[in-house]
């Protein structure tokens, strides 16, 4: 049975190039792009658990709306695993709706970005020294939920080439 929509999630620690890669892949594959809602919502580092929950709900809504853009392939600039790690990191309880969303395997394939890019302080990011620790948490979550994923660790234009090879290999087996 062929699935109507195929979701590819870009995930990983802060400042690992998720947004840049998501936009590149959307352009290469001429497909739908779900931008990270949190980027447009947050204006500074001051937020609380309710803000994170709201951003997760809006991210899910944007993913649903992406189905209306006429493309079977949908690139997501973040995923709900990111929200789970975010909440856990700040010792907040992770609500059931996030856990349910993750366990339904909403994302058919994930690209886990290795944090070997230069860390950029954009006013929202605050843990440059913990990116490798967070990378390990992302990988463990992907494994815990038995997600199909590939680690993307090339830099510059090699990053999008490596990502395309991983997506193409996944799509051949899908």
N, C-alpha and C. Protein backbone atom coordinates (compact mmCIF):
# COMPACT_ATOMS: atom_id res chain seq x y z
N UNK A 1 0.84 -1.19 0.00
CA UNK A 1 0.00 0.00 0.00
C UNK A 1 0.88 1.25 0.00
N UNK A 2 0.67 2.10 -0.95
CA UNK A 2 1.47 3.31 -1.06
C UNK A 2 0.89 4.39 -0.15
N UNK A 3 1.75 5.04 0.58
CA UNK A 3 1.34 6.11 1.47
C UNK A 3 1.12 7.38 0.67
N UNK A 4 0.09 8.12 1.05
CA UNK A 4 -0.26 9.32 0.32
C UNK A 4 0.82 10.41 0.45
N UNK A 5 1.39 10.56 1.66
CA UNK A 5 2.40 11.58 1.90
C UNK A 5 3.60 10.95 2.57
N UNK A 6 4.78 11.43 2.23
CA UNK A 6 6.02 10.95 2.82
C UNK A 6 6.68 12.12 3.52
N UNK A 7 6.83 11.99 4.83
CA UNK A 7 7.43 13.05 5.65
C UNK A 7 8.90 12.74 5.92
N UNK A 8 9.76 13.69 5.56
CA UNK A 8 11.19 13.60 5.86
C UNK A 8 11.48 14.67 6.91
N UNK A 9 11.95 14.25 8.08
CA UNK A 9 12.24 15.19 9.16
C UNK A 9 13.73 15.49 9.21
N UNK A 10 14.03 16.75 9.40
CA UNK A 10 15.41 17.18 9.63
C UNK A 10 15.50 17.43 11.14
N UNK A 11 16.42 16.73 11.79
CA UNK A 11 16.49 16.82 13.24
C UNK A 11 17.94 16.92 13.69
N UNK A 12 18.12 17.31 14.94
CA UNK A 12 19.46 17.42 15.50
C UNK A 12 19.59 18.63 16.40
N UNK A 13 20.75 18.77 17.01
CA UNK A 13 20.98 19.87 17.95
C UNK A 13 20.92 21.24 17.28
N UNK A 14 20.85 22.25 18.14
CA UNK A 14 20.78 23.63 17.64
C UNK A 14 22.02 23.96 16.81
N UNK A 15 21.81 24.81 15.85
CA UNK A 15 22.88 25.33 14.99
C UNK A 15 23.64 24.23 14.27
N UNK A 16 22.91 23.21 13.82
CA UNK A 16 23.55 22.15 13.04
C UNK A 16 23.17 22.23 11.56
N UNK A 17 22.45 23.27 11.19
CA UNK A 17 22.14 23.50 9.78
C UNK A 17 20.80 22.94 9.32
N UNK A 18 19.88 22.69 10.23
CA UNK A 18 18.59 22.09 9.87
C UNK A 18 17.79 22.95 8.89
N UNK A 19 17.64 24.22 9.21
CA UNK A 19 16.82 25.10 8.36
C UNK A 19 17.42 25.26 6.98
N UNK A 20 18.72 25.44 6.92
CA UNK A 20 19.40 25.59 5.64
C UNK A 20 19.22 24.33 4.79
N UNK A 21 19.44 23.17 5.40
CA UNK A 21 19.30 21.92 4.65
C UNK A 21 17.86 21.68 4.24
N UNK A 22 16.92 21.97 5.11
CA UNK A 22 15.50 21.77 4.78
C UNK A 22 15.11 22.59 3.56
N UNK A 23 15.55 23.83 3.51
CA UNK A 23 15.24 24.69 2.37
C UNK A 23 15.91 24.19 1.09
N UNK A 24 17.16 23.74 1.21
CA UNK A 24 17.87 23.20 0.04
C UNK A 24 17.14 21.97 -0.49
N UNK A 25 16.75 21.06 0.40
CA UNK A 25 16.09 19.82 -0.03
C UNK A 25 14.73 20.10 -0.64
N UNK A 26 14.00 21.05 -0.07
CA UNK A 26 12.70 21.42 -0.62
C UNK A 26 12.86 21.94 -2.05
N UNK A 27 13.90 22.70 -2.28
CA UNK A 27 14.17 23.24 -3.61
C UNK A 27 14.62 22.13 -4.57
N UNK A 28 15.51 21.26 -4.11
CA UNK A 28 16.01 20.17 -4.95
C UNK A 28 14.89 19.23 -5.37
N UNK A 29 14.07 18.84 -4.40
CA UNK A 29 12.99 17.88 -4.67
C UNK A 29 11.69 18.55 -5.13
N UNK A 30 11.69 19.87 -5.14
CA UNK A 30 10.50 20.63 -5.54
C UNK A 30 9.27 20.09 -4.79
N UNK A 31 9.41 20.11 -3.46
CA UNK A 31 8.37 19.52 -2.62
C UNK A 31 7.99 20.48 -1.50
N UNK A 32 7.01 20.05 -0.72
CA UNK A 32 6.53 20.85 0.40
C UNK A 32 7.58 21.02 1.48
N UNK A 33 7.55 22.17 2.14
CA UNK A 33 8.47 22.46 3.23
C UNK A 33 7.66 22.95 4.43
N UNK A 34 7.87 22.31 5.57
CA UNK A 34 7.27 22.77 6.82
C UNK A 34 8.38 23.43 7.61
N UNK A 35 8.31 24.74 7.71
CA UNK A 35 9.33 25.47 8.45
C UNK A 35 9.13 25.27 9.95
N UNK A 36 10.19 25.54 10.69
CA UNK A 36 10.13 25.40 12.15
C UNK A 36 9.35 26.58 12.73
N UNK A 37 8.18 26.27 13.30
CA UNK A 37 7.33 27.31 13.85
C UNK A 37 8.02 28.09 14.97
N UNK A 38 8.79 27.40 15.79
CA UNK A 38 9.46 28.04 16.93
C UNK A 38 10.32 29.21 16.51
N UNK A 39 10.96 29.13 15.34
CA UNK A 39 11.84 30.21 14.87
C UNK A 39 11.05 31.51 14.69
N UNK A 40 9.85 31.40 14.18
CA UNK A 40 9.07 32.61 13.96
C UNK A 40 8.34 33.05 15.23
N UNK A 41 8.09 32.13 16.13
CA UNK A 41 7.34 32.43 17.34
C UNK A 41 8.20 33.09 18.42
N UNK A 42 9.39 32.57 18.60
CA UNK A 42 10.25 33.08 19.68
C UNK A 42 10.93 34.37 19.26
N UNK A 43 10.86 35.33 20.11
CA UNK A 43 11.51 36.60 19.83
C UNK A 43 12.74 36.79 20.72
N UNK A 44 12.82 35.99 21.77
CA UNK A 44 13.99 36.01 22.65
C UNK A 44 14.05 34.67 23.38
N UNK A 45 14.96 34.53 24.30
CA UNK A 45 15.15 33.27 25.01
C UNK A 45 14.14 33.04 26.12
N UNK A 46 13.30 34.00 26.42
CA UNK A 46 12.36 33.86 27.52
C UNK A 46 11.10 33.14 27.07
N UNK A 47 10.97 31.90 27.48
CA UNK A 47 9.78 31.12 27.17
C UNK A 47 9.59 30.12 28.30
N UNK A 48 8.40 29.57 28.36
CA UNK A 48 8.11 28.59 29.40
C UNK A 48 7.52 27.33 28.77
N UNK A 49 7.15 26.38 29.61
CA UNK A 49 6.64 25.09 29.12
C UNK A 49 5.42 25.28 28.23
N UNK A 50 4.52 26.17 28.60
CA UNK A 50 3.31 26.39 27.81
C UNK A 50 3.64 26.90 26.41
N UNK A 51 4.67 27.73 26.32
CA UNK A 51 5.12 28.20 25.00
C UNK A 51 5.61 27.03 24.15
N UNK A 52 6.39 26.14 24.77
CA UNK A 52 6.93 24.98 24.03
C UNK A 52 5.78 24.09 23.57
N UNK A 53 4.79 23.87 24.43
CA UNK A 53 3.63 23.05 24.05
C UNK A 53 2.86 23.69 22.90
N UNK A 54 2.66 24.99 22.98
CA UNK A 54 1.98 25.70 21.91
C UNK A 54 2.74 25.58 20.60
N UNK A 55 4.06 25.73 20.66
CA UNK A 55 4.87 25.61 19.45
C UNK A 55 4.78 24.20 18.87
N UNK A 56 4.74 23.18 19.71
CA UNK A 56 4.61 21.80 19.24
C UNK A 56 3.26 21.60 18.56
N UNK A 57 2.20 22.13 19.16
CA UNK A 57 0.87 22.03 18.55
C UNK A 57 0.84 22.72 17.19
N UNK A 58 1.44 23.88 17.11
CA UNK A 58 1.47 24.61 15.84
C UNK A 58 2.32 23.88 14.80
N UNK A 59 3.40 23.24 15.24
CA UNK A 59 4.24 22.48 14.30
C UNK A 59 3.42 21.35 13.69
N UNK A 60 2.65 20.65 14.52
CA UNK A 60 1.78 19.58 14.02
C UNK A 60 0.76 20.13 13.04
N UNK A 61 0.19 21.28 13.36
CA UNK A 61 -0.79 21.90 12.47
C UNK A 61 -0.17 22.25 11.12
N UNK A 62 1.04 22.79 11.14
CA UNK A 62 1.72 23.13 9.89
C UNK A 62 2.01 21.88 9.06
N UNK A 63 2.34 20.79 9.72
CA UNK A 63 2.58 19.53 9.00
C UNK A 63 1.30 19.05 8.33
N UNK A 64 0.19 19.20 9.00
CA UNK A 64 -1.10 18.82 8.41
C UNK A 64 -1.42 19.71 7.21
N UNK A 65 -1.21 21.00 7.36
CA UNK A 65 -1.51 21.94 6.28
C UNK A 65 -0.62 21.71 5.07
N UNK A 66 0.57 21.17 5.26
CA UNK A 66 1.50 20.93 4.15
C UNK A 66 0.92 19.94 3.14
N UNK A 67 -0.02 19.13 3.55
CA UNK A 67 -0.65 18.17 2.64
C UNK A 67 -1.41 18.88 1.53
N UNK A 68 -1.79 20.11 1.76
CA UNK A 68 -2.58 20.86 0.79
C UNK A 68 -1.74 21.47 -0.33
N UNK A 69 -0.43 21.35 -0.26
CA UNK A 69 0.44 22.00 -1.23
C UNK A 69 0.71 21.14 -2.46
N UNK A 70 0.10 19.98 -2.54
CA UNK A 70 0.17 19.18 -3.75
C UNK A 70 1.42 18.35 -3.96
N UNK A 71 2.22 18.19 -2.96
CA UNK A 71 3.43 17.39 -3.10
C UNK A 71 3.34 16.18 -2.18
N UNK A 72 3.71 15.02 -2.72
CA UNK A 72 3.70 13.81 -1.90
C UNK A 72 4.82 13.84 -0.85
N UNK A 73 5.96 14.40 -1.24
CA UNK A 73 7.11 14.48 -0.34
C UNK A 73 7.04 15.80 0.43
N UNK A 74 7.20 15.71 1.76
CA UNK A 74 7.14 16.88 2.62
C UNK A 74 8.38 16.88 3.51
N UNK A 75 9.15 17.95 3.42
CA UNK A 75 10.35 18.12 4.25
C UNK A 75 9.96 18.94 5.47
N UNK A 76 10.29 18.43 6.65
CA UNK A 76 9.99 19.13 7.90
C UNK A 76 11.28 19.63 8.53
N UNK A 77 11.34 20.93 8.77
CA UNK A 77 12.52 21.58 9.31
C UNK A 77 12.79 21.22 10.77
N UNK A 78 11.91 20.52 11.40
CA UNK A 78 12.10 20.01 12.76
C UNK A 78 11.12 18.86 12.94
N UNK A 79 11.18 18.24 14.11
CA UNK A 79 10.25 17.14 14.40
C UNK A 79 9.85 17.20 15.86
N UNK A 80 8.93 16.35 16.25
CA UNK A 80 8.46 16.37 17.63
C UNK A 80 9.47 15.74 18.59
N UNK A 81 10.42 14.97 18.07
CA UNK A 81 11.50 14.49 18.93
C UNK A 81 12.28 15.69 19.46
N UNK A 82 12.44 16.70 18.63
CA UNK A 82 13.11 17.92 19.05
C UNK A 82 12.39 18.54 20.25
N UNK A 83 11.07 18.58 20.20
CA UNK A 83 10.30 19.14 21.31
C UNK A 83 10.42 18.27 22.56
N UNK A 84 10.42 16.96 22.38
CA UNK A 84 10.57 16.07 23.53
C UNK A 84 11.92 16.30 24.21
N UNK A 85 12.97 16.37 23.43
CA UNK A 85 14.30 16.60 23.99
C UNK A 85 14.37 17.97 24.66
N UNK A 86 13.79 18.95 24.04
CA UNK A 86 13.74 20.31 24.57
C UNK A 86 13.08 20.31 25.95
N UNK A 87 11.92 19.67 26.03
CA UNK A 87 11.21 19.61 27.31
C UNK A 87 12.00 18.82 28.36
N UNK A 88 12.54 17.68 27.97
CA UNK A 88 13.34 16.88 28.90
C UNK A 88 14.56 17.65 29.39
N UNK A 89 15.19 18.36 28.48
CA UNK A 89 16.41 19.09 28.83
C UNK A 89 16.14 20.10 29.94
N UNK A 90 14.99 20.75 29.85
CA UNK A 90 14.64 21.75 30.87
C UNK A 90 13.77 21.15 31.98
N UNK A 91 13.74 19.82 32.05
CA UNK A 91 13.08 19.06 33.11
C UNK A 91 11.58 19.32 33.20
N UNK A 92 10.96 19.47 32.04
CA UNK A 92 9.50 19.57 31.97
C UNK A 92 8.93 18.21 31.60
N UNK A 93 7.74 17.95 32.05
CA UNK A 93 7.05 16.72 31.67
C UNK A 93 6.66 16.82 30.19
N UNK A 94 6.82 15.72 29.48
CA UNK A 94 6.46 15.69 28.06
C UNK A 94 5.01 15.22 27.97
N UNK A 95 4.13 16.03 27.37
CA UNK A 95 2.71 15.65 27.31
C UNK A 95 2.46 14.48 26.37
N UNK A 96 1.35 13.84 26.63
CA UNK A 96 0.96 12.65 25.87
C UNK A 96 0.83 12.94 24.38
N UNK A 97 0.31 14.12 24.01
CA UNK A 97 0.10 14.38 22.58
C UNK A 97 1.42 14.37 21.81
N UNK A 98 2.50 14.80 22.43
CA UNK A 98 3.81 14.77 21.77
C UNK A 98 4.29 13.32 21.66
N UNK A 99 4.19 12.58 22.75
CA UNK A 99 4.62 11.17 22.73
C UNK A 99 3.81 10.37 21.72
N UNK A 100 2.51 10.62 21.65
CA UNK A 100 1.66 9.92 20.68
C UNK A 100 2.07 10.26 19.25
N UNK A 101 2.33 11.52 19.02
CA UNK A 101 2.72 11.95 17.68
C UNK A 101 4.02 11.26 17.25
N UNK A 102 4.98 11.21 18.17
CA UNK A 102 6.26 10.57 17.86
C UNK A 102 6.07 9.08 17.63
N UNK A 103 5.29 8.43 18.47
CA UNK A 103 5.16 6.97 18.37
C UNK A 103 4.34 6.53 17.17
N UNK A 104 3.54 7.42 16.62
CA UNK A 104 2.79 7.07 15.40
C UNK A 104 3.70 7.04 14.18
N UNK A 105 4.96 7.39 14.38
CA UNK A 105 5.95 7.42 13.29
C UNK A 105 5.50 8.34 12.18
N UNK A 106 5.11 9.50 12.56
CA UNK A 106 4.64 10.51 11.62
C UNK A 106 5.69 10.77 10.54
N UNK A 107 6.96 10.69 10.92
CA UNK A 107 8.02 10.97 9.97
C UNK A 107 8.50 9.64 9.41
N UNK A 108 8.49 9.54 8.11
CA UNK A 108 8.86 8.28 7.47
C UNK A 108 10.37 8.08 7.46
N UNK A 109 11.10 9.17 7.43
CA UNK A 109 12.55 9.10 7.38
C UNK A 109 13.10 10.37 8.03
N UNK A 110 14.18 10.22 8.77
CA UNK A 110 14.79 11.37 9.44
C UNK A 110 16.24 11.52 9.02
N UNK A 111 16.65 12.76 8.92
CA UNK A 111 18.05 13.10 8.70
C UNK A 111 18.54 13.73 9.99
N UNK A 112 19.46 13.06 10.66
CA UNK A 112 20.03 13.54 11.92
C UNK A 112 21.32 14.28 11.60
N UNK A 113 21.33 15.57 11.84
CA UNK A 113 22.48 16.39 11.49
C UNK A 113 23.51 16.40 12.61
N UNK A 114 24.72 16.03 12.24
CA UNK A 114 25.82 16.04 13.19
C UNK A 114 26.26 17.49 13.41
N UNK A 115 26.51 17.88 14.66
CA UNK A 115 26.80 19.30 14.95
C UNK A 115 28.25 19.70 14.70
N UNK A 116 28.71 19.51 13.48
CA UNK A 116 30.08 19.92 13.14
C UNK A 116 30.10 21.24 12.37
N UNK A 117 28.98 21.89 12.30
CA UNK A 117 28.91 23.21 11.69
C UNK A 117 29.31 24.26 12.74
N UNK A 118 29.65 25.42 12.28
CA UNK A 118 30.00 26.50 13.21
C UNK A 118 28.74 26.90 13.98
N UNK A 119 28.86 27.01 15.28
CA UNK A 119 27.74 27.45 16.11
C UNK A 119 27.53 28.94 15.90
N UNK A 120 26.29 29.33 15.65
CA UNK A 120 25.95 30.72 15.42
C UNK A 120 25.00 31.18 16.51
N UNK A 121 25.35 32.22 17.20
CA UNK A 121 24.48 32.78 18.23
C UNK A 121 23.46 33.67 17.55
N UNK A 122 22.21 33.24 17.58
CA UNK A 122 21.15 34.01 16.94
C UNK A 122 20.18 34.59 17.96
N UNK A 123 20.55 34.54 19.22
CA UNK A 123 19.67 35.06 20.26
C UNK A 123 18.72 34.03 20.82
N UNK A 124 18.54 32.92 20.12
CA UNK A 124 17.67 31.84 20.59
C UNK A 124 18.48 30.66 21.10
N UNK A 125 19.65 30.49 20.60
CA UNK A 125 20.49 29.34 20.95
C UNK A 125 21.32 29.67 22.18
N UNK A 126 21.55 28.62 23.00
CA UNK A 126 22.28 28.92 24.22
C UNK A 126 23.15 27.80 24.76
N UNK A 127 23.35 26.74 24.01
CA UNK A 127 24.12 25.60 24.54
C UNK A 127 25.16 25.09 23.53
N UNK A 128 26.09 25.94 23.08
CA UNK A 128 27.04 25.47 22.07
C UNK A 128 27.91 24.32 22.55
N UNK A 129 28.24 24.29 23.82
CA UNK A 129 29.13 23.27 24.35
C UNK A 129 28.43 21.92 24.55
N UNK A 130 27.13 21.89 24.40
CA UNK A 130 26.40 20.65 24.65
C UNK A 130 25.83 20.02 23.37
N UNK A 131 26.24 20.49 22.23
CA UNK A 131 25.67 19.97 20.98
C UNK A 131 25.96 18.49 20.78
N UNK A 132 27.15 18.02 21.11
CA UNK A 132 27.45 16.60 20.94
C UNK A 132 26.63 15.74 21.89
N UNK A 133 26.47 16.19 23.12
CA UNK A 133 25.63 15.49 24.09
C UNK A 133 24.19 15.41 23.57
N UNK A 134 23.70 16.52 23.05
CA UNK A 134 22.34 16.54 22.51
C UNK A 134 22.22 15.67 21.26
N UNK A 135 23.24 15.66 20.43
CA UNK A 135 23.24 14.78 19.25
C UNK A 135 23.00 13.33 19.69
N UNK A 136 23.72 12.90 20.73
CA UNK A 136 23.55 11.53 21.23
C UNK A 136 22.12 11.29 21.71
N UNK A 137 21.52 12.29 22.33
CA UNK A 137 20.12 12.15 22.79
C UNK A 137 19.18 12.01 21.59
N UNK A 138 19.42 12.79 20.55
CA UNK A 138 18.59 12.67 19.34
C UNK A 138 18.71 11.27 18.75
N UNK A 139 19.93 10.78 18.64
CA UNK A 139 20.11 9.46 18.04
C UNK A 139 19.44 8.38 18.89
N UNK A 140 19.56 8.47 20.19
CA UNK A 140 18.90 7.48 21.07
C UNK A 140 17.39 7.52 20.92
N UNK A 141 16.83 8.71 20.79
CA UNK A 141 15.37 8.81 20.61
C UNK A 141 14.95 8.20 19.27
N UNK A 142 15.69 8.48 18.21
CA UNK A 142 15.37 7.89 16.91
C UNK A 142 15.43 6.36 17.00
N UNK A 143 16.41 5.85 17.71
CA UNK A 143 16.54 4.40 17.88
C UNK A 143 15.43 3.85 18.76
N UNK A 144 15.11 4.55 19.84
CA UNK A 144 14.04 4.09 20.75
C UNK A 144 12.70 3.95 20.04
N UNK A 145 12.43 4.87 19.11
CA UNK A 145 11.17 4.83 18.37
C UNK A 145 11.29 4.03 17.08
N UNK A 146 12.44 3.44 16.84
CA UNK A 146 12.67 2.61 15.66
C UNK A 146 12.42 3.38 14.37
N UNK A 147 12.85 4.63 14.34
CA UNK A 147 12.73 5.46 13.14
C UNK A 147 13.80 5.05 12.14
N UNK A 148 13.49 5.21 10.88
CA UNK A 148 14.48 5.09 9.82
C UNK A 148 15.20 6.44 9.76
N UNK A 149 16.53 6.41 9.80
CA UNK A 149 17.25 7.68 9.76
C UNK A 149 18.65 7.49 9.20
N UNK A 150 19.23 8.62 8.82
CA UNK A 150 20.62 8.66 8.37
C UNK A 150 21.29 9.84 9.05
N UNK A 151 22.54 9.65 9.41
CA UNK A 151 23.33 10.74 9.99
C UNK A 151 23.97 11.52 8.84
N UNK A 152 23.81 12.82 8.89
CA UNK A 152 24.39 13.71 7.88
C UNK A 152 25.51 14.48 8.55
N UNK A 153 26.75 14.22 8.10
CA UNK A 153 27.89 14.84 8.75
C UNK A 153 28.82 15.57 7.78
N UNK A 154 28.48 15.61 6.51
CA UNK A 154 29.29 16.36 5.56
C UNK A 154 29.04 17.86 5.76
N UNK A 155 29.97 18.65 5.29
CA UNK A 155 29.84 20.10 5.40
C UNK A 155 29.61 20.73 4.03
N UNK A 156 29.20 21.97 4.05
CA UNK A 156 28.98 22.79 2.85
C UNK A 156 28.07 22.07 1.86
N UNK A 157 28.43 22.11 0.56
CA UNK A 157 27.56 21.50 -0.45
C UNK A 157 27.52 19.98 -0.32
N UNK A 158 28.51 19.40 0.33
CA UNK A 158 28.51 17.96 0.56
C UNK A 158 27.38 17.51 1.46
N UNK A 159 26.88 18.43 2.27
CA UNK A 159 25.79 18.12 3.19
C UNK A 159 24.50 17.80 2.42
N UNK A 160 24.15 18.64 1.47
CA UNK A 160 22.92 18.39 0.70
C UNK A 160 23.09 17.17 -0.22
N UNK A 161 24.27 16.96 -0.73
CA UNK A 161 24.52 15.77 -1.57
C UNK A 161 24.36 14.51 -0.74
N UNK A 162 24.96 14.49 0.46
CA UNK A 162 24.82 13.33 1.34
C UNK A 162 23.36 13.11 1.73
N UNK A 163 22.64 14.19 2.02
CA UNK A 163 21.23 14.08 2.39
C UNK A 163 20.39 13.54 1.23
N UNK A 164 20.65 14.01 0.02
CA UNK A 164 19.91 13.52 -1.15
C UNK A 164 20.17 12.04 -1.39
N UNK A 165 21.41 11.62 -1.24
CA UNK A 165 21.72 10.19 -1.40
C UNK A 165 20.96 9.37 -0.37
N UNK A 166 20.89 9.85 0.86
CA UNK A 166 20.17 9.12 1.91
C UNK A 166 18.68 9.07 1.61
N UNK A 167 18.11 10.19 1.19
CA UNK A 167 16.67 10.23 0.87
C UNK A 167 16.38 9.33 -0.33
N UNK A 168 17.19 9.43 -1.37
CA UNK A 168 16.97 8.61 -2.57
C UNK A 168 17.04 7.12 -2.23
N UNK A 169 18.00 6.74 -1.41
CA UNK A 169 18.11 5.32 -1.00
C UNK A 169 16.88 4.90 -0.21
N UNK A 170 16.41 5.77 0.68
CA UNK A 170 15.20 5.46 1.44
C UNK A 170 14.00 5.31 0.50
N UNK A 171 13.83 6.25 -0.42
CA UNK A 171 12.67 6.23 -1.31
C UNK A 171 12.65 4.99 -2.20
N UNK A 172 13.81 4.47 -2.56
CA UNK A 172 13.87 3.25 -3.36
C UNK A 172 13.34 2.03 -2.61
N UNK A 173 13.48 2.07 -1.29
CA UNK A 173 13.01 0.93 -0.49
C UNK A 173 11.61 1.15 0.06
N UNK A 174 11.09 2.31 -0.15
CA UNK A 174 9.80 2.68 0.46
C UNK A 174 8.64 2.07 -0.28
